[in-house]
């Protein structure tokens, strides 16, 4: 295996690993019409859950140059939807397929342009 192929395979493996640990999350909600609905609540690390920016409570500054004074922060995972979220496996699978297609295309292009460059020299 050539060095470029090993680097290419390592990058592909890192991308698939990234797809496994930075994942989309969703919540299953049952509506009154007796069908289930999935609501996406965001992306987050596999071991943490969906990421939400904490809400910051602040006072306006007395002087414009002093900036904002932070009084308190809320827990970003305080909502019920975030605590009940589960990984969105169909979307994770779609990310795997997209990453694989991108790397297959890049591999074919590398082969074609590599052969063209070798014939030119």
C-alpha atoms as a PDB file:
ATOM      1  CA  UNK A   1       0.000   0.000   0.000  1.00  0.00           C
ATOM      2  CA  UNK A   2       1.415   3.370  -0.971  1.00  0.00           C
ATOM      3  CA  UNK A   3       1.927   6.158   1.524  1.00  0.00           C
ATOM      4  CA  UNK A   4      -0.818   8.315  -0.037  1.00  0.00           C
ATOM      5  CA  UNK A   5      -3.280   5.415   0.235  1.00  0.00           C
ATOM      6  CA  UNK A   6      -2.429   4.900   3.913  1.00  0.00           C
ATOM      7  CA  UNK A   7      -2.953   8.605   4.637  1.00  0.00           C
ATOM      8  CA  UNK A   8      -6.216   8.525   2.689  1.00  0.00           C
ATOM      9  CA  UNK A   9      -7.426   5.478   4.648  1.00  0.00           C
ATOM     10  CA  UNK A  10      -6.433   7.096   7.961  1.00  0.00           C
ATOM     11  CA  UNK A  11      -8.401  10.255   7.104  1.00  0.00           C
ATOM     12  CA  UNK A  12     -11.432   8.167   6.113  1.00  0.00           C
ATOM     13  CA  UNK A  13     -11.218   6.245   9.407  1.00  0.00           C
ATOM     14  CA  UNK A  14     -11.015   9.499  11.381  1.00  0.00           C
ATOM     15  CA  UNK A  15     -14.074  10.853   9.573  1.00  0.00           C
ATOM     16  CA  UNK A  16     -16.086   7.717  10.393  1.00  0.00           C
ATOM     17  CA  UNK A  17     -14.953   7.940  14.010  1.00  0.00           C
ATOM     18  CA  UNK A  18     -16.098  11.568  14.084  1.00  0.00           C
ATOM     19  CA  UNK A  19     -19.489  10.476  12.701  1.00  0.00           C
ATOM     20  CA  UNK A  20     -19.756   8.001  15.596  1.00  0.00           C
ATOM     21  CA  UNK A  21     -18.959  10.397  18.436  1.00  0.00           C
ATOM     22  CA  UNK A  22     -20.464  13.756  17.283  1.00  0.00           C
ATOM     23  CA  UNK A  23     -24.000  12.583  16.651  1.00  0.00           C
ATOM     24  CA  UNK A  24     -27.472  13.998  16.000  1.00  0.00           C
ATOM     25  CA  UNK A  25     -30.055  13.598  18.757  1.00  0.00           C
ATOM     26  CA  UNK A  26     -33.842  13.403  18.524  1.00  0.00           C
ATOM     27  CA  UNK A  27     -36.879  13.023  20.767  1.00  0.00           C
ATOM     28  CA  UNK A  28     -39.876  10.864  19.974  1.00  0.00           C
ATOM     29  CA  UNK A  29     -43.101  12.759  20.598  1.00  0.00           C
ATOM     30  CA  UNK A  30     -46.511  11.139  20.349  1.00  0.00           C
ATOM     31  CA  UNK A  31     -49.201  13.411  18.967  1.00  0.00           C
ATOM     32  CA  UNK A  32     -52.925  13.174  19.505  1.00  0.00           C
ATOM     33  CA  UNK A  33     -53.367  11.790  15.981  1.00  0.00           C
ATOM     34  CA  UNK A  34     -51.797   8.455  17.057  1.00  0.00           C
ATOM     35  CA  UNK A  35     -48.609   8.730  15.025  1.00  0.00           C
ATOM     36  CA  UNK A  36     -45.175   9.292  16.382  1.00  0.00           C
ATOM     37  CA  UNK A  37     -43.074  12.261  15.424  1.00  0.00           C
ATOM     38  CA  UNK A  38     -39.327  12.689  15.785  1.00  0.00           C
ATOM     39  CA  UNK A  39     -38.052  16.128  16.650  1.00  0.00           C
ATOM     40  CA  UNK A  40     -34.342  16.817  16.275  1.00  0.00           C
ATOM     41  CA  UNK A  41     -32.858  18.556  19.294  1.00  0.00           C
ATOM     42  CA  UNK A  42     -29.318  19.115  18.029  1.00  0.00           C
ATOM     43  CA  UNK A  43     -25.884  17.567  17.817  1.00  0.00           C
ATOM     44  CA  UNK A  44     -23.622  16.590  20.676  1.00  0.00           C
ATOM     45  CA  UNK A  45     -20.932  14.228  21.836  1.00  0.00           C
ATOM     46  CA  UNK A  46     -22.048  10.637  22.305  1.00  0.00           C
ATOM     47  CA  UNK A  47     -21.231  10.658  26.025  1.00  0.00           C
ATOM     48  CA  UNK A  48     -22.787  14.096  26.764  1.00  0.00           C
ATOM     49  CA  UNK A  49     -25.997  14.372  24.762  1.00  0.00           C
ATOM     50  CA  UNK A  50     -27.357  17.254  22.710  1.00  0.00           C
ATOM     51  CA  UNK A  51     -25.531  20.527  23.115  1.00  0.00           C
ATOM     52  CA  UNK A  52     -27.418  23.672  24.065  1.00  0.00           C
ATOM     53  CA  UNK A  53     -25.937  27.087  24.683  1.00  0.00           C
ATOM     54  CA  UNK A  54     -26.509  28.052  28.318  1.00  0.00           C
ATOM     55  CA  UNK A  55     -28.877  30.939  28.855  1.00  0.00           C
ATOM     56  CA  UNK A  56     -26.983  33.815  30.414  1.00  0.00           C
ATOM     57  CA  UNK A  57     -28.781  36.291  32.654  1.00  0.00           C
ATOM     58  CA  UNK A  58     -27.116  39.677  32.601  1.00  0.00           C
ATOM     59  CA  UNK A  59     -27.473  43.311  33.613  1.00  0.00           C
ATOM     60  CA  UNK A  60     -26.833  46.137  31.181  1.00  0.00           C
ATOM     61  CA  UNK A  61     -23.502  47.835  31.880  1.00  0.00           C
ATOM     62  CA  UNK A  62     -23.381  51.171  33.606  1.00  0.00           C
ATOM     63  CA  UNK A  63     -20.624  52.263  31.246  1.00  0.00           C
ATOM     64  CA  UNK A  64     -20.476  51.150  27.635  1.00  0.00           C
ATOM     65  CA  UNK A  65     -16.816  50.130  27.933  1.00  0.00           C
ATOM     66  CA  UNK A  66     -17.344  47.816  30.911  1.00  0.00           C
ATOM     67  CA  UNK A  67     -19.168  45.031  28.977  1.00  0.00           C
ATOM     68  CA  UNK A  68     -21.751  42.669  30.458  1.00  0.00           C
ATOM     69  CA  UNK A  69     -21.907  41.443  34.016  1.00  0.00           C
ATOM     70  CA  UNK A  70     -22.845  37.751  34.224  1.00  0.00           C
ATOM     71  CA  UNK A  71     -25.105  36.962  37.171  1.00  0.00           C
ATOM     72  CA  UNK A  72     -25.990  33.298  36.596  1.00  0.00           C
ATOM     73  CA  UNK A  73     -26.118  30.556  33.982  1.00  0.00           C
ATOM     74  CA  UNK A  74     -28.771  27.941  33.474  1.00  0.00           C
ATOM     75  CA  UNK A  75     -28.036  24.262  33.000  1.00  0.00           C
ATOM     76  CA  UNK A  76     -28.007  23.686  29.212  1.00  0.00           C
ATOM     77  CA  UNK A  77     -29.525  20.201  29.684  1.00  0.00           C
ATOM     78  CA  UNK A  78     -32.343  21.331  31.942  1.00  0.00           C
ATOM     79  CA  UNK A  79     -35.165  20.795  29.456  1.00  0.00           C
ATOM     80  CA  UNK A  80     -37.135  17.563  29.458  1.00  0.00           C
ATOM     81  CA  UNK A  81     -36.569  17.100  25.700  1.00  0.00           C
ATOM     82  CA  UNK A  82     -32.796  17.128  26.107  1.00  0.00           C
ATOM     83  CA  UNK A  83     -32.907  14.579  28.925  1.00  0.00           C
ATOM     84  CA  UNK A  84     -35.124  12.201  26.891  1.00  0.00           C
ATOM     85  CA  UNK A  85     -33.115  12.531  23.665  1.00  0.00           C
ATOM     86  CA  UNK A  86     -31.761   9.456  21.883  1.00  0.00           C
ATOM     87  CA  UNK A  87     -29.289   9.121  18.998  1.00  0.00           C
ATOM     88  CA  UNK A  88     -30.791   9.549  15.528  1.00  0.00           C
ATOM     89  CA  UNK A  89     -29.475   6.334  13.913  1.00  0.00           C
ATOM     90  CA  UNK A  90     -30.956   6.856  10.407  1.00  0.00           C
ATOM     91  CA  UNK A  91     -29.225  10.236  10.189  1.00  0.00           C
ATOM     92  CA  UNK A  92     -25.964   8.724  11.473  1.00  0.00           C
ATOM     93  CA  UNK A  93     -26.226   6.082   8.732  1.00  0.00           C
ATOM     94  CA  UNK A  94     -26.803   8.800   6.155  1.00  0.00           C
ATOM     95  CA  UNK A  95     -23.662  10.562   7.352  1.00  0.00           C
ATOM     96  CA  UNK A  96     -21.717   7.279   6.927  1.00  0.00           C
ATOM     97  CA  UNK A  97     -23.031   6.894   3.369  1.00  0.00           C
ATOM     98  CA  UNK A  98     -22.189  10.516   2.512  1.00  0.00           C
ATOM     99  CA  UNK A  99     -18.661  10.210   3.931  1.00  0.00           C
ATOM    100  CA  UNK A 100     -18.099   6.954   2.048  1.00  0.00           C
ATOM    101  CA  UNK A 101     -19.309   8.426  -1.253  1.00  0.00           C
ATOM    102  CA  UNK A 102     -17.107  11.488  -0.819  1.00  0.00           C
ATOM    103  CA  UNK A 103     -14.039   9.350  -0.145  1.00  0.00           C
ATOM    104  CA  UNK A 104     -14.806   6.955  -3.024  1.00  0.00           C
ATOM    105  CA  UNK A 105     -15.092   9.927  -5.381  1.00  0.00           C
ATOM    106  CA  UNK A 106     -11.858  11.415  -4.062  1.00  0.00           C
ATOM    107  CA  UNK A 107     -10.127   8.040  -4.422  1.00  0.00           C
ATOM    108  CA  UNK A 108     -11.227   7.697  -8.047  1.00  0.00           C
ATOM    109  CA  UNK A 109     -10.113  11.259  -8.804  1.00  0.00           C
ATOM    110  CA  UNK A 110      -6.744  10.635  -7.129  1.00  0.00           C
ATOM    111  CA  UNK A 111      -6.265   7.492  -9.231  1.00  0.00           C
ATOM    112  CA  UNK A 112      -7.250   9.191 -12.499  1.00  0.00           C
ATOM    113  CA  UNK A 113      -5.118  12.275 -11.924  1.00  0.00           C
ATOM    114  CA  UNK A 114      -2.251  10.166 -10.550  1.00  0.00           C
ATOM    115  CA  UNK A 115      -2.175   8.057 -13.727  1.00  0.00           C
ATOM    116  CA  UNK A 116      -2.392  11.172 -15.887  1.00  0.00           C
ATOM    117  CA  UNK A 117       0.511  12.738 -14.016  1.00  0.00           C
ATOM    118  CA  UNK A 118       2.557   9.542 -14.319  1.00  0.00           C
ATOM    119  CA  UNK A 119       2.017   9.412 -18.112  1.00  0.00           C
ATOM    120  CA  UNK A 120       2.971  13.063 -18.438  1.00  0.00           C
ATOM    121  CA  UNK A 121       6.413  12.543 -16.890  1.00  0.00           C
END
